[in-house]
Amino acid sequence: MKNYTITVNGVAYSVTVEETAAGTAPVAAAPAAAAPAPVAAPAPAAAQGSAGSIEVVAAVPGKVFKVTANVGDAVKAGDTVIILESMKMEIPVVAPEDGTVASINVGAGDAVESGDLLATLN
């Protein structure tokens, strides 16, 4: 028996292969899933204005339904900055703290993934 670690689409599997008599193909045991290897998210491109120090990120994957704030707007913690549509629901993305909108990095209709940078505040 030989043990191998095989990675498929970033997920590592531990596989045990049994050696058999000559002329027959080896049979692989059922793979046991190991912890998936972390995959780095692509860096989003900056859009309007200069970036601020406070990041507003997507909590869920989806599509940008509406951008409710503009660059230069003063926002309070909890104010809606962007509305995402995910699983046919409108999900508000709110300012994490008080500040001024420094950049809006997405537009209506853009597809976003969880953790993508949507806007920045100063």
Protein backbone atom coordinates (compact mmCIF):
# COMPACT_ATOMS: atom_id res chain seq x y z
CA MET A 1 0.00 0.00 0.00
CA LYS A 2 1.22 3.46 -0.88
CA ASN A 3 -0.11 6.78 0.38
CA TYR A 4 -0.37 9.82 -1.89
CA THR A 5 -1.64 13.36 -1.45
CA ILE A 6 -3.45 14.65 -4.53
CA THR A 7 -4.63 18.24 -4.95
CA VAL A 8 -7.68 18.89 -7.15
CA ASN A 9 -9.00 22.44 -7.57
CA GLY A 10 -7.16 23.55 -4.44
CA VAL A 11 -8.53 20.72 -2.25
CA ALA A 12 -6.01 18.17 -0.94
CA TYR A 13 -7.04 14.50 -0.81
CA SER A 14 -5.17 11.71 0.95
CA VAL A 15 -5.33 8.55 -1.18
CA THR A 16 -4.13 5.03 -0.38
CA VAL A 17 -3.33 2.81 -3.38
CA GLU A 18 -3.03 -0.94 -3.02
CA GLU A 19 -0.42 -2.74 -5.13
CA THR A 20 -1.81 -5.79 -6.94
CA ALA A 21 -0.40 -8.74 -8.90
CA ALA A 22 1.20 -8.02 -12.29
CA GLY A 23 -1.27 -7.48 -15.13
CA THR A 24 -4.06 -5.97 -13.05
CA ALA A 25 -4.75 -2.34 -12.44
CA PRO A 26 -4.35 -0.93 -8.94
CA VAL A 27 -7.51 0.08 -7.12
CA ALA A 28 -7.61 3.40 -5.24
CA ALA A 29 -9.32 3.58 -1.87
CA ALA A 30 -12.02 6.18 -1.32
CA PRO A 31 -10.34 9.57 -0.87
CA ALA A 32 -10.47 11.25 2.52
CA ALA A 33 -10.80 14.99 2.19
CA ALA A 34 -8.11 17.01 3.92
CA ALA A 35 -8.32 20.65 4.84
CA PRO A 36 -8.55 22.75 1.68
CA ALA A 37 -5.58 24.88 0.84
CA PRO A 38 -6.28 28.60 1.21
CA VAL A 39 -6.82 30.42 -2.07
CA ALA A 40 -5.92 34.08 -2.35
CA ALA A 41 -8.75 36.29 -3.56
CA PRO A 42 -8.00 38.47 -6.56
CA ALA A 43 -7.31 42.09 -5.74
CA PRO A 44 -10.15 44.33 -6.86
CA ALA A 45 -9.32 47.25 -9.14
CA ALA A 46 -9.76 50.74 -7.77
CA ALA A 47 -12.48 52.69 -9.52
CA GLN A 48 -13.39 56.25 -8.60
CA GLY A 49 -11.31 58.60 -6.49
CA SER A 50 -8.49 57.80 -4.14
CA ALA A 51 -8.86 54.94 -1.71
CA GLY A 52 -9.65 55.62 1.92
CA SER A 53 -8.41 53.76 4.97
CA ILE A 54 -11.76 52.22 6.01
CA GLU A 55 -12.85 49.35 3.75
CA VAL A 56 -16.45 48.45 2.96
CA VAL A 57 -16.52 44.81 1.78
CA ALA A 58 -19.15 42.39 0.51
CA ALA A 59 -20.36 39.91 3.13
CA VAL A 60 -21.99 37.64 0.53
CA PRO A 61 -21.51 36.90 -3.17
CA GLY A 62 -24.06 38.49 -5.46
CA LYS A 63 -24.74 41.37 -7.82
CA VAL A 64 -24.63 45.08 -7.06
CA PHE A 65 -28.29 46.13 -7.10
CA LYS A 66 -27.85 49.82 -6.25
CA VAL A 67 -25.15 52.23 -5.10
CA THR A 68 -26.81 54.50 -2.53
CA ALA A 69 -23.85 56.71 -1.55
CA ASN A 70 -21.63 58.96 -3.65
CA VAL A 71 -17.97 59.92 -3.32
CA GLY A 72 -17.76 62.79 -0.83
CA ASP A 73 -20.94 61.84 1.10
CA ALA A 74 -20.67 61.82 4.90
CA VAL A 75 -21.97 58.55 6.36
CA LYS A 76 -22.59 57.32 9.88
CA ALA A 77 -21.90 53.78 11.12
CA GLY A 78 -24.77 51.60 9.92
CA ASP A 79 -25.77 53.82 6.95
CA THR A 80 -26.38 51.88 3.74
CA VAL A 81 -23.65 52.48 1.16
CA ILE A 82 -24.48 49.77 -1.41
CA ILE A 83 -27.30 47.26 -1.85
CA LEU A 84 -26.41 43.77 -3.07
CA GLU A 85 -28.81 41.26 -4.59
CA SER A 86 -28.12 37.70 -3.53
CA MET A 87 -30.49 34.73 -3.75
CA LYS A 88 -33.30 37.11 -4.83
CA MET A 89 -32.91 39.20 -1.66
CA GLU A 90 -31.72 42.77 -1.34
CA ILE A 91 -28.92 42.95 1.23
CA PRO A 92 -27.72 46.36 2.45
CA VAL A 93 -23.97 46.83 2.84
CA VAL A 94 -23.46 49.40 5.58
CA ALA A 95 -20.65 51.72 6.65
CA PRO A 96 -18.64 50.01 9.42
CA GLU A 97 -17.96 53.37 11.09
CA ASP A 98 -18.50 57.11 10.63
CA GLY A 99 -16.62 58.71 7.74
CA THR A 100 -16.68 60.25 4.29
CA VAL A 101 -16.99 58.09 1.17
CA ALA A 102 -13.54 58.19 -0.49
CA SER A 103 -14.19 55.74 -3.35
CA ILE A 104 -16.90 53.55 -4.83
CA ASN A 105 -15.24 50.55 -6.45
CA VAL A 106 -18.30 48.92 -8.07
CA GLY A 107 -21.29 49.88 -10.16
CA ALA A 108 -24.86 48.65 -10.49
CA GLY A 109 -24.93 45.23 -12.15
CA ASP A 110 -21.37 44.23 -11.16
CA ALA A 111 -20.92 40.69 -9.84
CA VAL A 112 -19.06 40.52 -6.51
CA GLU A 113 -17.71 37.76 -4.31
CA SER A 114 -17.67 37.60 -0.54
CA GLY A 115 -14.84 39.78 0.77
CA ASP A 116 -14.56 41.97 -2.37
CA LEU A 117 -13.81 45.65 -1.75
CA LEU A 118 -16.91 47.68 -2.62
CA ALA A 119 -16.01 51.14 -1.30
CA THR A 120 -13.66 52.97 1.03
CA LEU A 121 -14.20 55.67 3.64
CA ASN A 122 -11.93 58.26 5.23
